[in-house]
Amino acid sequence: MDIIALIISIIGCLNWGLIGLFQFDLVAWLFGGQSALLSRVVYTLVGLAGLWDITLLFRRLPKVDGE
């Protein structure tokens, strides 16, 4: 689940980068506009993936021997 959330978050980050640099929304372009159902699904999945990624910040990592 962590890897899937990270991949979806990266897709969202790349889309935001395109919007910021070139005013081009790739998701909207691919799926028929910002208000199209498929675009809204993608935006929702990116948002949920971002929320999941927040949990990564608060997880305890297992200690490695020697540390």
C-alpha atoms as a PDB file:
ATOM      1  CA  MET A   1       0.000   0.000   0.000  1.00  0.00           C
ATOM      2  CA  ASP A   2       2.863   2.385   0.802  1.00  0.00           C
ATOM      3  CA  ILE A   3       4.432   1.975  -2.639  1.00  0.00           C
ATOM      4  CA  ILE A   4       1.120   2.460  -4.436  1.00  0.00           C
ATOM      5  CA  ALA A   5       0.437   5.614  -2.420  1.00  0.00           C
ATOM      6  CA  LEU A   6       3.913   6.941  -3.194  1.00  0.00           C
ATOM      7  CA  ILE A   7       3.507   6.278  -6.927  1.00  0.00           C
ATOM      8  CA  ILE A   8       0.137   8.040  -6.996  1.00  0.00           C
ATOM      9  CA  SER A   9       1.611  10.946  -5.014  1.00  0.00           C
ATOM     10  CA  ILE A  10       4.483  11.229  -7.490  1.00  0.00           C
ATOM     11  CA  ILE A  11       1.984  11.388 -10.353  1.00  0.00           C
ATOM     12  CA  GLY A  12       0.192  14.177  -8.509  1.00  0.00           C
ATOM     13  CA  CYS A  13       3.455  16.015  -7.885  1.00  0.00           C
ATOM     14  CA  LEU A  14       4.412  15.808 -11.541  1.00  0.00           C
ATOM     15  CA  ASN A  15       0.999  17.146 -12.516  1.00  0.00           C
ATOM     16  CA  TRP A  16       1.353  20.073 -10.083  1.00  0.00           C
ATOM     17  CA  GLY A  17       4.809  20.747 -11.487  1.00  0.00           C
ATOM     18  CA  LEU A  18       3.377  20.928 -14.993  1.00  0.00           C
ATOM     19  CA  ILE A  19       0.651  23.270 -13.781  1.00  0.00           C
ATOM     20  CA  GLY A  20       3.161  25.516 -12.028  1.00  0.00           C
ATOM     21  CA  LEU A  21       5.705  25.637 -14.835  1.00  0.00           C
ATOM     22  CA  PHE A  22       3.575  25.504 -17.950  1.00  0.00           C
ATOM     23  CA  GLN A  23      -0.043  26.045 -16.814  1.00  0.00           C
ATOM     24  CA  PHE A  24      -0.800  22.598 -18.236  1.00  0.00           C
ATOM     25  CA  ASP A  25      -2.983  20.170 -16.280  1.00  0.00           C
ATOM     26  CA  LEU A  26      -2.094  16.731 -17.667  1.00  0.00           C
ATOM     27  CA  VAL A  27      -4.851  14.929 -15.750  1.00  0.00           C
ATOM     28  CA  ALA A  28      -7.514  17.296 -17.069  1.00  0.00           C
ATOM     29  CA  TRP A  29      -6.094  17.036 -20.576  1.00  0.00           C
ATOM     30  CA  LEU A  30      -6.098  13.214 -20.485  1.00  0.00           C
ATOM     31  CA  PHE A  31      -9.539  12.782 -18.961  1.00  0.00           C
ATOM     32  CA  GLY A  32     -11.643  15.574 -20.454  1.00  0.00           C
ATOM     33  CA  GLY A  33     -11.309  18.601 -18.181  1.00  0.00           C
ATOM     34  CA  GLN A  34     -11.043  19.287 -14.480  1.00  0.00           C
ATOM     35  CA  SER A  35     -14.695  18.612 -13.775  1.00  0.00           C
ATOM     36  CA  ALA A  36     -14.857  15.327 -15.721  1.00  0.00           C
ATOM     37  CA  LEU A  37     -15.622  12.296 -13.575  1.00  0.00           C
ATOM     38  CA  LEU A  38     -12.349  10.500 -14.361  1.00  0.00           C
ATOM     39  CA  SER A  39     -10.312  13.598 -13.569  1.00  0.00           C
ATOM     40  CA  ARG A  40     -12.099  13.994 -10.257  1.00  0.00           C
ATOM     41  CA  VAL A  41     -11.414  10.334  -9.458  1.00  0.00           C
ATOM     42  CA  VAL A  42      -7.696  10.829 -10.173  1.00  0.00           C
ATOM     43  CA  TYR A  43      -7.583  14.020  -8.076  1.00  0.00           C
ATOM     44  CA  THR A  44      -9.343  12.188  -5.227  1.00  0.00           C
ATOM     45  CA  LEU A  45      -6.914   9.259  -5.424  1.00  0.00           C
ATOM     46  CA  VAL A  46      -3.954  11.654  -5.323  1.00  0.00           C
ATOM     47  CA  GLY A  47      -5.428  13.351  -2.266  1.00  0.00           C
ATOM     48  CA  LEU A  48      -6.036  10.055  -0.484  1.00  0.00           C
ATOM     49  CA  ALA A  49      -2.540   8.868  -1.369  1.00  0.00           C
ATOM     50  CA  GLY A  50      -1.127  12.072   0.104  1.00  0.00           C
ATOM     51  CA  LEU A  51      -3.033  11.463   3.331  1.00  0.00           C
ATOM     52  CA  TRP A  52      -1.686   7.923   3.450  1.00  0.00           C
ATOM     53  CA  ASP A  53       1.833   9.233   2.879  1.00  0.00           C
ATOM     54  CA  ILE A  54       1.484  11.440   5.957  1.00  0.00           C
ATOM     55  CA  THR A  55       1.312   8.256   8.027  1.00  0.00           C
ATOM     56  CA  LEU A  56       4.818   7.398   6.809  1.00  0.00           C
ATOM     57  CA  LEU A  57       6.133  10.358   8.801  1.00  0.00           C
ATOM     58  CA  PHE A  58       4.838   8.958  12.077  1.00  0.00           C
ATOM     59  CA  ARG A  59       5.795   5.326  11.750  1.00  0.00           C
ATOM     60  CA  ARG A  60       8.674   3.966  13.753  1.00  0.00           C
ATOM     61  CA  LEU A  61      11.356   2.442  11.598  1.00  0.00           C
ATOM     62  CA  PRO A  62      12.909  -0.798  12.804  1.00  0.00           C
ATOM     63  CA  LYS A  63      16.347  -0.302  14.283  1.00  0.00           C
ATOM     64  CA  VAL A  64      19.253  -1.643  12.283  1.00  0.00           C
ATOM     65  CA  ASP A  65      21.948  -3.531  14.196  1.00  0.00           C
ATOM     66  CA  GLY A  66      24.913  -1.340  14.936  1.00  0.00           C
ATOM     67  CA  GLU A  67      23.010   1.912  15.363  1.00  0.00           C
END
